Amino acid sequence: MCRWLPGCACTRRVAAVLEMTHRRAVALMVLVTLLWSIAGVVTRQLEVARSFEVTFWRSAFNALALAAALTLMRGPALWRGLLQSGRVVWISGVCWAVMFTAFMLALTMTTVANVLVTMAIGPMITALFSRFFLGKQLPARTWLAILVAGAGIAWMFGLEMGQGGSLLGMLVASAVPLAGAVNWTVLQRVGESGEEAPDMLPAVLIGALLSALFSLPLAWPLQASAHDLGLLALLGSVQLAIPCLLVVRLTRVLPGPEIALLALLEVVFGVAWAWLWAGEVPAGSVLVGGCLVLGALVVNEGLALRRG
């Protein structure tokens, strides 16, 4: 007799598996943000490389790491099919390129805290895109978390600007959450299409290649020292290639707004690393706003795990 009934042992075991899947996805997303967050502090250790050269080398090393990883995963078919990828793969690739390029440029124009705070508007944009383009009904807890996090971001942004923060750097940084919101929405749509979904991992490689090609003419002549190249190789592989491959997979488990909300942890981690290891002491507004962002995140994820 079938025992798939509410409250039966089978149902409880399936629910436990689903909850564990969500828990593991959240844990991996936290790891992703931890890896992403080292960009600011590592960039502050560079000796010679600046601006577009930093962007070029990070994207180039990212492309090399992705090419090696995806070739191992997909074989020679990866390269045969890359130029024949569908429109959705190229849309995602362009989004990745904008994110890779704008982020590093912004870091060379203003403080780590200002860049990360500006990027933190991502969950609100992603939630709106998910609601209006995918028709998703977001739970009230997620909307509340977004509002609280938004209040923290507004607090930080307003006071930082009042104290002479770089407007141009923040405007460049704002391209990252906008492109990210488009990307998470596209990836979520693809993830829900089932077995016929295209392989979206090559989109990350396309983004890295486009970013490197765009940055090279503006970065010439290249002047990075061996010390700088070592750090930029670290950024391209460990800080970028690995977490970006992970997050593409996580879009099949976590909805776009939740990924964007979890990505706010990069703000907390990144500001902390820059404070501890690069001497960039954050203003009081950053600390207060960061606490609001982190609190909203913890409450939202805690309720999701309890009800999952």
Protein backbone atom coordinates (compact mmCIF):
# COMPACT_ATOMS: atom_id res chain seq x y z
CA MET A 1 0.00 0.00 0.00
CA CYS A 2 1.23 3.49 -0.83
CA ARG A 3 2.33 5.33 2.28
CA TRP A 4 2.89 8.78 0.70
CA LEU A 5 0.41 10.41 3.02
CA PRO A 6 0.68 13.58 5.10
CA GLY A 7 2.46 12.85 8.35
CA CYS A 8 3.67 9.37 7.38
CA ALA A 9 7.32 8.32 7.72
CA CYS A 10 7.98 8.54 3.96
CA THR A 11 6.68 12.08 3.78
CA ARG A 12 8.77 13.11 6.76
CA ARG A 13 11.91 11.59 5.21
CA VAL A 14 11.30 13.39 1.90
CA ALA A 15 10.75 16.67 3.74
CA ALA A 16 13.99 16.12 5.65
CA VAL A 17 15.89 15.55 2.41
CA LEU A 18 14.41 18.70 0.85
CA GLU A 19 15.29 20.71 3.94
CA MET A 20 18.83 19.35 3.91
CA THR A 21 19.12 20.31 0.24
CA HIS A 22 18.16 23.86 1.10
CA ARG A 23 20.54 23.91 4.07
CA ARG A 24 23.43 22.73 1.93
CA ALA A 25 22.59 25.26 -0.77
CA VAL A 26 22.56 28.08 1.80
CA ALA A 27 25.88 26.86 3.26
CA LEU A 28 27.46 26.80 -0.20
CA MET A 29 26.11 30.28 -0.94
CA VAL A 30 27.74 31.54 2.27
CA LEU A 31 31.01 30.01 1.05
CA VAL A 32 30.52 31.78 -2.28
CA THR A 33 30.15 35.16 -0.56
CA LEU A 34 33.19 34.44 1.60
CA LEU A 35 35.32 33.83 -1.49
CA TRP A 36 33.88 36.86 -3.29
CA SER A 37 34.58 39.09 -0.30
CA ILE A 38 38.40 38.87 -0.47
CA ALA A 39 38.55 41.00 -3.63
CA GLY A 40 38.79 44.34 -1.85
CA VAL A 41 41.52 43.44 0.62
CA VAL A 42 43.60 41.64 -2.03
CA THR A 43 43.28 44.60 -4.41
CA ARG A 44 44.65 46.90 -1.72
CA GLN A 45 47.88 44.85 -1.67
CA LEU A 46 48.70 45.52 -5.35
CA GLU A 47 51.93 47.42 -6.03
CA VAL A 48 51.68 48.76 -9.60
CA ALA A 49 48.56 47.55 -11.41
CA ARG A 50 45.66 50.01 -11.45
CA SER A 51 42.19 50.52 -12.91
CA PHE A 52 41.59 48.72 -16.22
CA GLU A 53 44.78 46.67 -15.89
CA VAL A 54 43.48 45.18 -12.63
CA THR A 55 40.22 44.34 -14.38
CA PHE A 56 41.99 42.83 -17.39
CA TRP A 57 44.30 40.53 -15.45
CA ARG A 58 41.61 39.32 -13.06
CA SER A 59 39.24 38.55 -15.95
CA ALA A 60 42.03 36.91 -17.97
CA PHE A 61 43.04 34.64 -15.10
CA ASN A 62 39.37 33.96 -14.45
CA ALA A 63 38.92 32.91 -18.08
CA LEU A 64 41.96 30.59 -17.89
CA ALA A 65 40.70 28.93 -14.71
CA LEU A 66 37.18 28.54 -16.12
CA ALA A 67 38.50 27.18 -19.43
CA ALA A 68 40.51 24.52 -17.59
CA ALA A 69 37.66 23.58 -15.24
CA LEU A 70 34.95 23.48 -17.91
CA THR A 71 37.15 21.54 -20.33
CA LEU A 72 37.60 18.88 -17.64
CA MET A 73 33.86 18.87 -16.98
CA ARG A 74 32.57 19.12 -20.56
CA GLY A 75 35.44 17.93 -22.75
CA PRO A 76 36.23 19.28 -26.25
CA ALA A 77 32.50 19.72 -26.88
CA LEU A 78 32.66 22.84 -24.72
CA TRP A 79 34.63 24.73 -27.36
CA ARG A 80 32.66 23.39 -30.31
CA GLY A 81 29.42 24.54 -28.78
CA LEU A 82 30.53 27.82 -27.23
CA LEU A 83 29.86 30.03 -30.25
CA GLN A 84 26.65 28.12 -30.94
CA SER A 85 25.25 28.79 -27.47
CA GLY A 86 21.70 30.06 -27.33
CA ARG A 87 20.64 33.64 -26.74
CA VAL A 88 19.97 33.10 -23.05
CA VAL A 89 23.57 31.90 -22.49
CA TRP A 90 24.94 35.03 -24.17
CA ILE A 91 22.61 37.30 -22.19
CA SER A 92 23.93 35.75 -19.00
CA GLY A 93 27.49 36.04 -20.33
CA VAL A 94 27.09 39.77 -20.97
CA CYS A 95 25.71 40.17 -17.44
CA TRP A 96 28.75 38.37 -16.01
CA ALA A 97 31.04 40.62 -18.09
CA VAL A 98 29.41 43.78 -16.73
CA MET A 99 29.65 42.46 -13.17
CA PHE A 100 33.32 41.45 -13.51
CA THR A 101 34.34 44.76 -15.11
CA ALA A 102 32.33 47.26 -13.08
CA PHE A 103 33.22 45.68 -9.73
CA MET A 104 36.99 45.92 -10.15
CA LEU A 105 36.83 49.40 -11.67
CA ALA A 106 34.74 50.62 -8.74
CA LEU A 107 37.24 49.18 -6.25
CA THR A 108 39.97 51.33 -7.80
CA MET A 109 37.81 54.46 -7.56
CA THR A 110 36.41 54.38 -4.02
CA THR A 111 36.58 52.46 -0.75
CA VAL A 112 35.72 48.78 -0.38
CA ALA A 113 32.85 49.68 1.94
CA ASN A 114 31.33 52.12 -0.55
CA VAL A 115 31.48 49.56 -3.37
CA LEU A 116 29.95 46.77 -1.33
CA VAL A 117 27.26 48.98 0.17
CA THR A 118 26.21 50.12 -3.30
CA MET A 119 26.12 46.53 -4.54
CA ALA A 120 23.82 45.61 -1.67
CA ILE A 121 20.80 47.06 -3.47
CA GLY A 122 20.84 43.81 -5.48
CA PRO A 123 18.17 41.91 -3.50
CA MET A 124 15.60 44.67 -3.97
CA ILE A 125 16.18 44.83 -7.72
CA THR A 126 16.20 41.03 -8.02
CA ALA A 127 13.00 40.69 -6.04
CA LEU A 128 11.26 43.22 -8.27
CA PHE A 129 12.51 41.49 -11.42
CA SER A 130 11.40 38.11 -10.08
CA ARG A 131 7.98 39.47 -9.19
CA PHE A 132 7.27 41.31 -12.44
CA PHE A 133 9.12 39.18 -15.03
CA LEU A 134 8.64 35.71 -13.53
CA GLY A 135 5.38 36.29 -11.65
CA LYS A 136 6.84 35.02 -8.37
CA GLN A 137 4.88 35.55 -5.17
CA LEU A 138 7.53 36.34 -2.58
CA PRO A 139 6.84 35.44 1.06
CA ALA A 140 6.20 38.31 3.43
CA ARG A 141 9.37 37.52 5.39
CA THR A 142 11.50 38.09 2.27
CA TRP A 143 9.85 41.45 1.55
CA LEU A 144 10.36 42.46 5.19
CA ALA A 145 14.01 41.40 5.06
CA ILE A 146 14.52 43.40 1.87
CA LEU A 147 12.94 46.49 3.44
CA VAL A 148 15.07 46.24 6.58
CA ALA A 149 18.23 45.62 4.54
CA GLY A 150 17.26 48.52 2.29
CA ALA A 151 16.95 50.79 5.30
CA GLY A 152 20.45 49.81 6.38
CA ILE A 153 21.80 50.41 2.90
CA ALA A 154 20.10 53.81 2.66
CA TRP A 155 21.56 54.78 6.03
CA MET A 156 25.08 53.87 4.92
CA PHE A 157 24.73 55.42 1.47
CA GLY A 158 23.33 58.71 2.74
CA LEU A 159 25.94 59.28 5.42
CA GLU A 160 28.84 58.13 3.24
CA MET A 161 27.84 60.57 0.51
CA GLY A 162 27.47 63.33 3.08
CA GLN A 163 31.04 62.66 4.18
CA GLY A 164 32.49 63.00 0.67
CA GLY A 165 32.13 59.50 -0.75
CA SER A 166 32.97 59.00 -4.42
CA LEU A 167 29.79 59.43 -6.46
CA LEU A 168 31.43 58.17 -9.68
CA GLY A 169 32.76 55.07 -7.95
CA MET A 170 29.33 54.32 -6.55
CA LEU A 171 27.67 54.85 -9.92
CA VAL A 172 30.09 52.37 -11.52
CA ALA A 173 29.47 49.94 -8.67
CA SER A 174 25.69 50.22 -9.19
CA ALA A 175 26.09 48.44 -12.55
CA VAL A 176 26.96 45.26 -10.62
CA PRO A 177 23.63 44.72 -8.79
CA LEU A 178 21.67 45.75 -11.88
CA ALA A 179 23.45 43.22 -14.09
CA GLY A 180 23.30 40.70 -11.26
CA ALA A 181 19.53 41.05 -10.92
CA VAL A 182 19.10 40.39 -14.65
CA ASN A 183 21.46 37.42 -14.39
CA TRP A 184 19.81 35.79 -11.36
CA THR A 185 16.39 36.22 -12.99
CA VAL A 186 17.59 34.62 -16.24
CA LEU A 187 19.30 31.77 -14.41
CA GLN A 188 16.23 31.11 -12.27
CA ARG A 189 14.03 31.03 -15.37
CA VAL A 190 16.41 28.56 -17.02
CA GLY A 191 16.63 26.44 -13.87
CA GLU A 192 12.85 26.06 -13.83
CA SER A 193 12.66 24.90 -17.44
CA GLY A 194 13.65 21.33 -16.50
CA GLU A 195 15.57 18.83 -18.60
CA GLU A 196 15.56 21.04 -21.71
CA ALA A 197 17.43 23.83 -19.92
CA PRO A 198 20.65 24.91 -21.65
CA ASP A 199 23.99 24.52 -19.92
CA MET A 200 24.61 27.90 -18.28
CA LEU A 201 28.12 27.27 -16.94
CA PRO A 202 29.78 28.41 -20.22
CA ALA A 203 28.09 31.81 -19.71
CA VAL A 204 30.56 32.53 -16.90
CA LEU A 205 33.45 31.81 -19.30
CA ILE A 206 31.88 34.06 -21.96
CA GLY A 207 31.61 36.84 -19.38
CA ALA A 208 35.26 36.50 -18.38
CA LEU A 209 36.43 36.55 -22.01
CA LEU A 210 34.28 39.59 -22.86
CA SER A 211 35.52 41.46 -19.79
CA ALA A 212 39.17 40.72 -20.63
CA LEU A 213 38.74 41.73 -24.29
CA PHE A 214 37.00 44.97 -23.33
CA SER A 215 39.60 45.89 -20.70
CA LEU A 216 42.79 45.06 -22.64
CA PRO A 217 42.95 48.12 -24.94
CA LEU A 218 42.24 50.43 -21.99
CA ALA A 219 44.81 48.64 -19.81
CA TRP A 220 47.68 48.94 -22.30
CA PRO A 221 50.63 49.21 -21.68
CA LEU A 222 50.58 46.45 -19.05
CA GLN A 223 52.78 47.25 -16.05
CA ALA A 224 51.83 44.72 -13.35
CA SER A 225 54.71 43.30 -11.33
CA ALA A 226 55.20 39.62 -10.58
CA HIS A 227 53.77 40.29 -7.11
CA ASP A 228 50.66 41.84 -8.65
CA LEU A 229 50.22 39.00 -11.14
CA GLY A 230 50.27 36.46 -8.32
CA LEU A 231 47.53 38.31 -6.44
CA LEU A 232 45.46 38.85 -9.59
CA ALA A 233 45.76 35.13 -10.43
CA LEU A 234 44.39 34.42 -6.95
CA LEU A 235 41.48 36.79 -7.61
CA GLY A 236 40.74 35.31 -11.02
CA SER A 237 40.68 31.69 -9.88
CA VAL A 238 39.81 31.40 -6.17
CA GLN A 239 37.89 34.65 -5.69
CA LEU A 240 35.98 34.51 -8.98
CA ALA A 241 36.02 31.29 -11.04
CA ILE A 242 35.18 28.83 -8.26
CA PRO A 243 32.35 30.80 -6.58
CA CYS A 244 30.79 31.80 -9.92
CA LEU A 245 30.59 28.16 -11.04
CA LEU A 246 29.05 27.28 -7.68
CA VAL A 247 26.42 30.02 -7.81
CA VAL A 248 25.23 28.94 -11.27
CA ARG A 249 24.50 25.51 -9.83
CA LEU A 250 22.82 26.97 -6.76
CA THR A 251 20.25 28.78 -8.92
CA ARG A 252 18.61 25.37 -9.44
CA VAL A 253 17.92 25.13 -5.70
CA LEU A 254 17.60 28.69 -4.41
CA PRO A 255 15.33 31.37 -5.96
CA GLY A 256 16.92 34.51 -7.36
CA PRO A 257 15.79 36.87 -4.57
CA GLU A 258 17.14 34.51 -1.91
CA ILE A 259 20.50 34.24 -3.68
CA ALA A 260 20.69 38.02 -3.94
CA LEU A 261 19.80 38.38 -0.25
CA LEU A 262 22.41 35.83 0.81
CA ALA A 263 24.94 37.65 -1.37
CA LEU A 264 24.63 40.59 1.06
CA LEU A 265 27.00 38.67 3.32
CA GLU A 266 29.74 39.79 0.95
CA VAL A 267 29.20 43.30 2.31
CA VAL A 268 29.85 42.20 5.88
CA PHE A 269 32.79 39.94 5.05
CA GLY A 270 34.39 42.37 2.61
CA VAL A 271 34.21 45.37 4.95
CA ALA A 272 35.64 43.25 7.77
CA TRP A 273 38.62 42.04 5.69
CA ALA A 274 39.38 45.57 4.47
CA TRP A 275 39.22 46.82 8.05
CA LEU A 276 41.42 44.09 9.53
CA TRP A 277 43.99 43.68 6.76
CA ALA A 278 44.01 46.86 4.66
CA GLY A 279 43.46 49.54 7.32
CA GLU A 280 40.20 50.84 5.79
CA VAL A 281 38.28 51.65 8.95
CA PRO A 282 34.55 51.78 8.12
CA ALA A 283 32.49 54.72 9.25
CA GLY A 284 29.92 54.34 12.00
CA SER A 285 27.19 54.47 9.36
CA VAL A 286 28.63 51.37 7.69
CA LEU A 287 28.67 49.47 10.96
CA VAL A 288 25.08 50.38 11.86
CA GLY A 289 23.77 49.70 8.37
CA GLY A 290 25.74 46.45 8.17
CA CYS A 291 24.13 45.22 11.37
CA LEU A 292 20.68 45.88 9.89
CA VAL A 293 21.58 44.02 6.70
CA LEU A 294 23.02 41.03 8.56
CA GLY A 295 20.10 40.91 10.98
CA ALA A 296 17.58 40.88 8.16
CA LEU A 297 19.49 38.08 6.46
CA VAL A 298 19.70 35.90 9.56
CA VAL A 299 15.99 36.28 10.37
CA ASN A 300 14.92 35.55 6.79
CA GLU A 301 17.08 32.45 6.46
CA GLY A 302 16.13 31.21 9.91
CA LEU A 303 12.42 31.38 9.07
CA ALA A 304 13.06 29.72 5.68
CA LEU A 305 14.83 26.79 7.31
CA ARG A 306 12.12 26.34 9.97
CA ARG A 307 9.32 26.36 7.41
CA GLY A 308 11.23 24.43 4.70
